[in-house]
């Protein structure tokens, strides 16, 4: 488990970066009235471009959520494996 967490996290980070760049390129190509502020970016889209934008945005959001949940899931898996080990050890001792 310890060896796979860094690999999975780096893969998720790379995938997030790829989709972030794809979304930024899509916005640069298809957005109307782009307004950049310090903390956000506002833009408009034609209705025919909305589904492609929403698909890219959804996939980016999924990768960002996975980046937050994956370390927690690995911690739960580690505790579960340790609990199973202690259960087997207790059974063998008694």
C-alpha atoms as a PDB file:
ATOM      1  CA  UNK A   1       0.000   0.000   0.000  1.00  0.00           C
ATOM      2  CA  UNK A   2       2.745   2.431   0.909  1.00  0.00           C
ATOM      3  CA  UNK A   3       4.350   2.073  -2.520  1.00  0.00           C
ATOM      4  CA  UNK A   4       1.137   2.593  -4.461  1.00  0.00           C
ATOM      5  CA  UNK A   5      -0.071   5.819  -2.795  1.00  0.00           C
ATOM      6  CA  UNK A   6       2.677   8.066  -4.247  1.00  0.00           C
ATOM      7  CA  UNK A   7       2.157   6.523  -7.687  1.00  0.00           C
ATOM      8  CA  UNK A   8      -1.610   7.013  -7.575  1.00  0.00           C
ATOM      9  CA  UNK A   9      -1.299  10.567  -6.268  1.00  0.00           C
ATOM     10  CA  UNK A  10       1.204  11.548  -8.965  1.00  0.00           C
ATOM     11  CA  UNK A  11      -1.047  10.021 -11.622  1.00  0.00           C
ATOM     12  CA  UNK A  12      -4.054  11.947 -10.312  1.00  0.00           C
ATOM     13  CA  UNK A  13      -2.028  15.171 -10.202  1.00  0.00           C
ATOM     14  CA  UNK A  14      -0.908  14.680 -13.810  1.00  0.00           C
ATOM     15  CA  UNK A  15      -4.463  13.905 -14.930  1.00  0.00           C
ATOM     16  CA  UNK A  16      -5.781  16.979 -13.119  1.00  0.00           C
ATOM     17  CA  UNK A  17      -3.118  19.103 -14.804  1.00  0.00           C
ATOM     18  CA  UNK A  18      -4.027  17.716 -18.237  1.00  0.00           C
ATOM     19  CA  UNK A  19      -7.734  18.444 -17.803  1.00  0.00           C
ATOM     20  CA  UNK A  20      -7.003  21.864 -16.298  1.00  0.00           C
ATOM     21  CA  UNK A  21      -5.011  22.735 -19.422  1.00  0.00           C
ATOM     22  CA  UNK A  22      -7.737  21.308 -21.685  1.00  0.00           C
ATOM     23  CA  UNK A  23     -10.387  23.392 -19.936  1.00  0.00           C
ATOM     24  CA  UNK A  24      -8.220  26.526 -20.101  1.00  0.00           C
ATOM     25  CA  UNK A  25      -7.593  25.957 -23.819  1.00  0.00           C
ATOM     26  CA  UNK A  26     -11.306  25.387 -24.394  1.00  0.00           C
ATOM     27  CA  UNK A  27     -12.155  28.618 -22.577  1.00  0.00           C
ATOM     28  CA  UNK A  28      -9.493  30.528 -24.520  1.00  0.00           C
ATOM     29  CA  UNK A  29     -10.917  29.195 -27.789  1.00  0.00           C
ATOM     30  CA  UNK A  30     -14.671  29.327 -27.229  1.00  0.00           C
ATOM     31  CA  UNK A  31     -15.393  31.769 -24.391  1.00  0.00           C
ATOM     32  CA  UNK A  32     -17.040  35.121 -24.898  1.00  0.00           C
ATOM     33  CA  UNK A  33     -16.431  38.156 -22.663  1.00  0.00           C
ATOM     34  CA  UNK A  34     -13.572  36.715 -20.625  1.00  0.00           C
ATOM     35  CA  UNK A  35     -13.035  38.658 -17.400  1.00  0.00           C
ATOM     36  CA  UNK A  36     -10.123  37.763 -15.125  1.00  0.00           C
ATOM     37  CA  UNK A  37     -10.107  38.935 -11.535  1.00  0.00           C
ATOM     38  CA  UNK A  38      -7.673  38.135  -8.756  1.00  0.00           C
ATOM     39  CA  UNK A  39      -9.390  34.940  -7.606  1.00  0.00           C
ATOM     40  CA  UNK A  40     -11.733  33.942 -10.421  1.00  0.00           C
ATOM     41  CA  UNK A  41     -12.347  33.935 -14.125  1.00  0.00           C
ATOM     42  CA  UNK A  42     -15.748  34.848 -15.592  1.00  0.00           C
ATOM     43  CA  UNK A  43     -16.754  34.053 -19.127  1.00  0.00           C
ATOM     44  CA  UNK A  44     -19.734  33.320 -21.313  1.00  0.00           C
ATOM     45  CA  UNK A  45     -20.278  30.447 -23.723  1.00  0.00           C
ATOM     46  CA  UNK A  46     -22.473  29.792 -26.707  1.00  0.00           C
ATOM     47  CA  UNK A  47     -25.190  27.276 -25.936  1.00  0.00           C
ATOM     48  CA  UNK A  48     -23.721  24.747 -28.391  1.00  0.00           C
ATOM     49  CA  UNK A  49     -20.382  24.818 -26.517  1.00  0.00           C
ATOM     50  CA  UNK A  50     -21.909  24.351 -23.066  1.00  0.00           C
ATOM     51  CA  UNK A  51     -22.042  20.537 -23.066  1.00  0.00           C
ATOM     52  CA  UNK A  52     -18.368  20.213 -24.050  1.00  0.00           C
ATOM     53  CA  UNK A  53     -17.430  22.761 -21.377  1.00  0.00           C
ATOM     54  CA  UNK A  54     -19.515  21.003 -18.734  1.00  0.00           C
ATOM     55  CA  UNK A  55     -17.934  17.658 -19.610  1.00  0.00           C
ATOM     56  CA  UNK A  56     -14.396  19.039 -19.225  1.00  0.00           C
ATOM     57  CA  UNK A  57     -15.338  20.860 -16.021  1.00  0.00           C
ATOM     58  CA  UNK A  58     -16.959  17.725 -14.557  1.00  0.00           C
ATOM     59  CA  UNK A  59     -13.912  15.581 -15.305  1.00  0.00           C
ATOM     60  CA  UNK A  60     -11.593  18.177 -13.750  1.00  0.00           C
ATOM     61  CA  UNK A  61     -13.803  18.334 -10.642  1.00  0.00           C
ATOM     62  CA  UNK A  62     -13.725  14.521 -10.346  1.00  0.00           C
ATOM     63  CA  UNK A  63      -9.915  14.475 -10.381  1.00  0.00           C
ATOM     64  CA  UNK A  64      -9.759  17.266  -7.803  1.00  0.00           C
ATOM     65  CA  UNK A  65     -12.169  15.418  -5.522  1.00  0.00           C
ATOM     66  CA  UNK A  66     -10.165  12.214  -5.977  1.00  0.00           C
ATOM     67  CA  UNK A  67      -7.017  14.055  -4.903  1.00  0.00           C
ATOM     68  CA  UNK A  68      -8.705  14.949  -1.633  1.00  0.00           C
ATOM     69  CA  UNK A  69     -10.290  11.565  -0.950  1.00  0.00           C
ATOM     70  CA  UNK A  70      -7.473   9.209  -1.969  1.00  0.00           C
ATOM     71  CA  UNK A  71      -5.129   9.824   1.005  1.00  0.00           C
ATOM     72  CA  UNK A  72      -8.047   9.379   3.410  1.00  0.00           C
ATOM     73  CA  UNK A  73      -9.038   6.132   1.709  1.00  0.00           C
ATOM     74  CA  UNK A  74      -5.504   4.805   1.983  1.00  0.00           C
ATOM     75  CA  UNK A  75      -5.425   5.666   5.679  1.00  0.00           C
ATOM     76  CA  UNK A  76      -8.693   3.772   6.201  1.00  0.00           C
ATOM     77  CA  UNK A  77      -7.307   0.808   4.249  1.00  0.00           C
ATOM     78  CA  UNK A  78      -4.127   0.844   6.333  1.00  0.00           C
ATOM     79  CA  UNK A  79      -6.084   0.883   9.606  1.00  0.00           C
ATOM     80  CA  UNK A  80      -8.320  -1.904   8.295  1.00  0.00           C
ATOM     81  CA  UNK A  81      -5.326  -4.050   7.354  1.00  0.00           C
ATOM     82  CA  UNK A  82      -3.790  -3.466  10.786  1.00  0.00           C
ATOM     83  CA  UNK A  83      -7.097  -4.382  12.445  1.00  0.00           C
ATOM     84  CA  UNK A  84      -7.252  -7.613  10.445  1.00  0.00           C
ATOM     85  CA  UNK A  85      -3.668  -8.382  11.450  1.00  0.00           C
ATOM     86  CA  UNK A  86      -4.470  -7.837  15.128  1.00  0.00           C
ATOM     87  CA  UNK A  87      -7.572 -10.022  14.799  1.00  0.00           C
ATOM     88  CA  UNK A  88      -5.560 -12.890  13.310  1.00  0.00           C
ATOM     89  CA  UNK A  89      -2.850 -12.448  15.928  1.00  0.00           C
ATOM     90  CA  UNK A  90      -5.391 -12.552  18.758  1.00  0.00           C
ATOM     91  CA  UNK A  91      -7.021 -15.677  17.316  1.00  0.00           C
ATOM     92  CA  UNK A  92      -3.680 -17.440  17.045  1.00  0.00           C
ATOM     93  CA  UNK A  93      -2.668 -16.521  20.585  1.00  0.00           C
ATOM     94  CA  UNK A  94      -5.913 -17.632  22.241  1.00  0.00           C
END
